[in-house]
Amino acid sequence: MKYVANSPKDYVDQLPRERREVIEKIRTVILQNLPQGFKEQLSYGMLGYVVPHSVYPPGYHVNPELPLPFINLASQKNFIALYHSGIYANTNLLDWFVAEYPKHCKLKLNMGKSCIRFKNLNDIPYTLIGELCTKVTTKDWITLYEKNIKK
């Protein structure tokens, strides 16, 4: 779903109450666990956690005017989506996450290349999301990005 927002708070404030509570909780977990150097902002119409130009001046190869994206969080029509680029770029991180997920959730993992979809708002692995956020520093992400994604 598209929301027209001017800030992360504005984005969250527009969500339906039940979605707002879950997004706020995930947002808090991300902010409490994300290593230093990442910055929260609106990115692609979602909450975004990026490597700012002050840390990585080249920015995103698709559009260098944008900072390097890392994590996005969105309320979609049928689910809440957590996009984690590190999972896409690092198979060891992906394997770890897939193995850990069943220890934290009753329902089967619903995932694309970098998108983790949460359809049941009562079965979200907040602790696992927090741990996932700690696994990649800004330096690690820049190295992975330059090696595996940037062409």
Protein backbone atom coordinates (compact mmCIF):
# COMPACT_ATOMS: atom_id res chain seq x y z
CA MET A 1 0.00 0.00 0.00
CA LYS A 2 1.22 3.49 -0.79
CA TYR A 3 1.32 6.14 1.89
CA VAL A 4 2.24 9.75 1.27
CA ALA A 5 4.41 10.72 4.21
CA ASN A 6 7.07 13.31 5.00
CA SER A 7 8.79 11.46 7.85
CA PRO A 8 8.94 8.00 9.39
CA LYS A 9 6.57 9.18 12.15
CA ASP A 10 4.13 10.51 9.55
CA TYR A 11 4.22 7.14 7.74
CA VAL A 12 3.49 5.22 10.95
CA ASP A 13 0.73 7.64 12.00
CA GLN A 14 -1.21 6.93 8.78
CA LEU A 15 -1.41 3.18 9.36
CA PRO A 16 -4.52 1.42 10.68
CA ARG A 17 -4.24 0.90 14.46
CA GLU A 18 -3.46 -2.84 14.38
CA ARG A 19 -0.79 -2.34 11.73
CA ARG A 20 0.59 0.74 13.48
CA GLU A 21 1.20 -1.20 16.70
CA VAL A 22 3.14 -3.94 14.90
CA ILE A 23 5.12 -1.56 12.69
CA GLU A 24 6.00 0.58 15.73
CA LYS A 25 7.22 -2.49 17.59
CA ILE A 26 9.32 -3.72 14.65
CA ARG A 27 10.64 -0.18 14.12
CA THR A 28 11.69 0.02 17.77
CA VAL A 29 13.43 -3.37 17.54
CA ILE A 30 15.30 -2.27 14.41
CA LEU A 31 16.38 1.05 15.91
CA GLN A 32 17.53 -0.60 19.14
CA ASN A 33 19.59 -3.26 17.35
CA LEU A 34 20.88 -1.73 14.13
CA PRO A 35 24.61 -1.00 14.33
CA GLN A 36 25.84 2.59 14.29
CA GLY A 37 26.11 4.28 10.92
CA PHE A 38 22.69 3.39 9.53
CA LYS A 39 20.05 6.11 9.35
CA GLU A 40 16.27 5.88 9.40
CA GLN A 41 14.40 7.76 6.70
CA LEU A 42 11.59 7.34 4.22
CA SER A 43 12.83 5.25 1.34
CA TYR A 44 10.74 4.10 -1.63
CA GLY A 45 7.57 5.10 0.23
CA MET A 46 8.46 2.88 3.21
CA LEU A 47 10.44 3.14 6.38
CA GLY A 48 14.04 2.78 5.31
CA TYR A 49 17.30 2.12 7.07
CA VAL A 50 20.15 3.26 4.86
CA VAL A 51 23.86 3.94 4.78
CA PRO A 52 23.87 7.73 4.36
CA HIS A 53 26.07 9.53 1.85
CA SER A 54 28.20 10.80 4.76
CA VAL A 55 29.29 7.17 5.32
CA TYR A 56 29.11 5.89 1.72
CA PRO A 57 29.35 8.85 -0.71
CA PRO A 58 28.76 6.83 -3.93
CA GLY A 59 25.19 6.05 -2.82
CA TYR A 60 23.01 3.44 -4.51
CA HIS A 61 24.26 2.35 -7.96
CA VAL A 62 20.76 2.43 -9.46
CA ASN A 63 20.41 6.09 -8.43
CA PRO A 64 23.55 7.58 -6.81
CA GLU A 65 21.50 10.49 -5.46
CA LEU A 66 19.93 8.00 -3.05
CA PRO A 67 21.76 6.63 -0.02
CA LEU A 68 22.61 2.93 0.01
CA PRO A 69 19.47 1.03 1.13
CA PHE A 70 19.76 -1.79 3.65
CA ILE A 71 16.42 -2.54 5.37
CA ASN A 72 12.90 -1.40 4.52
CA LEU A 73 9.74 -1.90 6.52
CA ALA A 74 6.29 -1.52 4.99
CA SER A 75 2.64 -2.14 5.56
CA GLN A 76 1.48 -3.83 2.35
CA LYS A 77 -2.08 -4.73 1.43
CA ASN A 78 -2.04 -8.30 2.80
CA PHE A 79 1.04 -8.38 5.02
CA ILE A 80 3.80 -6.47 6.72
CA ALA A 81 7.02 -6.66 4.75
CA LEU A 82 10.55 -6.53 6.07
CA TYR A 83 13.07 -6.18 3.26
CA HIS A 84 16.60 -7.06 4.36
CA SER A 85 19.24 -6.65 1.67
CA GLY A 86 21.85 -8.50 3.72
CA ILE A 87 19.85 -11.72 3.44
CA TYR A 88 19.81 -11.27 -0.34
CA ALA A 89 23.57 -10.66 -0.55
CA ASN A 90 24.87 -13.16 2.01
CA THR A 91 23.84 -16.82 1.75
CA ASN A 92 25.31 -17.59 5.20
CA LEU A 93 23.05 -14.95 6.74
CA LEU A 94 20.08 -16.30 4.77
CA ASP A 95 20.80 -19.87 5.92
CA TRP A 96 21.10 -18.71 9.54
CA PHE A 97 17.79 -16.82 9.35
CA VAL A 98 15.91 -19.70 7.71
CA ALA A 99 17.21 -22.13 10.36
CA GLU A 100 16.33 -19.80 13.26
CA TYR A 101 12.87 -18.73 12.06
CA PRO A 102 10.97 -21.89 13.12
CA LYS A 103 12.35 -21.47 16.66
CA HIS A 104 10.54 -18.12 16.90
CA CYS A 105 7.32 -18.58 14.90
CA LYS A 106 4.55 -21.14 14.66
CA LEU A 107 3.80 -20.40 11.01
CA LYS A 108 5.95 -21.29 8.01
CA LEU A 109 8.42 -18.69 6.75
CA ASN A 110 6.96 -16.65 3.87
CA MET A 111 9.88 -15.10 2.06
CA GLY A 112 11.16 -13.85 -1.29
CA LYS A 113 14.74 -12.89 -2.16
CA SER A 114 15.00 -10.15 0.45
CA CYS A 115 11.38 -9.80 1.56
CA ILE A 116 10.09 -11.45 4.72
CA ARG A 117 6.28 -11.34 4.73
CA PHE A 118 4.26 -11.40 7.94
CA LYS A 119 0.60 -12.14 7.23
CA ASN A 120 -0.31 -13.05 10.81
CA LEU A 121 0.29 -10.01 13.00
CA ASN A 122 0.29 -12.24 16.09
CA ASP A 123 3.22 -14.38 14.90
CA ILE A 124 6.10 -11.96 14.38
CA PRO A 125 9.58 -12.91 15.61
CA TYR A 126 10.59 -9.59 17.18
CA THR A 127 13.61 -11.08 18.98
CA LEU A 128 14.83 -12.73 15.78
CA ILE A 129 14.41 -9.47 13.84
CA GLY A 130 16.50 -7.73 16.48
CA GLU A 131 19.20 -10.36 16.24
CA LEU A 132 19.15 -10.15 12.43
CA CYS A 133 19.72 -6.40 12.66
CA THR A 134 22.89 -6.90 14.71
CA LYS A 135 24.48 -9.27 12.19
CA VAL A 136 25.62 -6.71 9.59
CA THR A 137 27.53 -3.49 10.29
CA THR A 138 27.61 -0.58 7.84
CA LYS A 139 31.14 -1.62 6.86
CA ASP A 140 30.00 -5.24 6.34
CA TRP A 141 27.05 -4.07 4.25
CA ILE A 142 29.16 -1.81 2.02
CA THR A 143 31.60 -4.69 1.43
CA LEU A 144 28.78 -7.15 0.62
CA TYR A 145 27.05 -4.61 -1.60
CA GLU A 146 30.18 -3.82 -3.59
CA LYS A 147 31.07 -7.51 -3.96
CA ASN A 148 27.67 -9.07 -4.66
CA ILE A 149 25.23 -6.43 -5.89
CA LYS A 150 26.84 -3.33 -7.35
CA LYS A 151 27.61 -3.91 -11.00
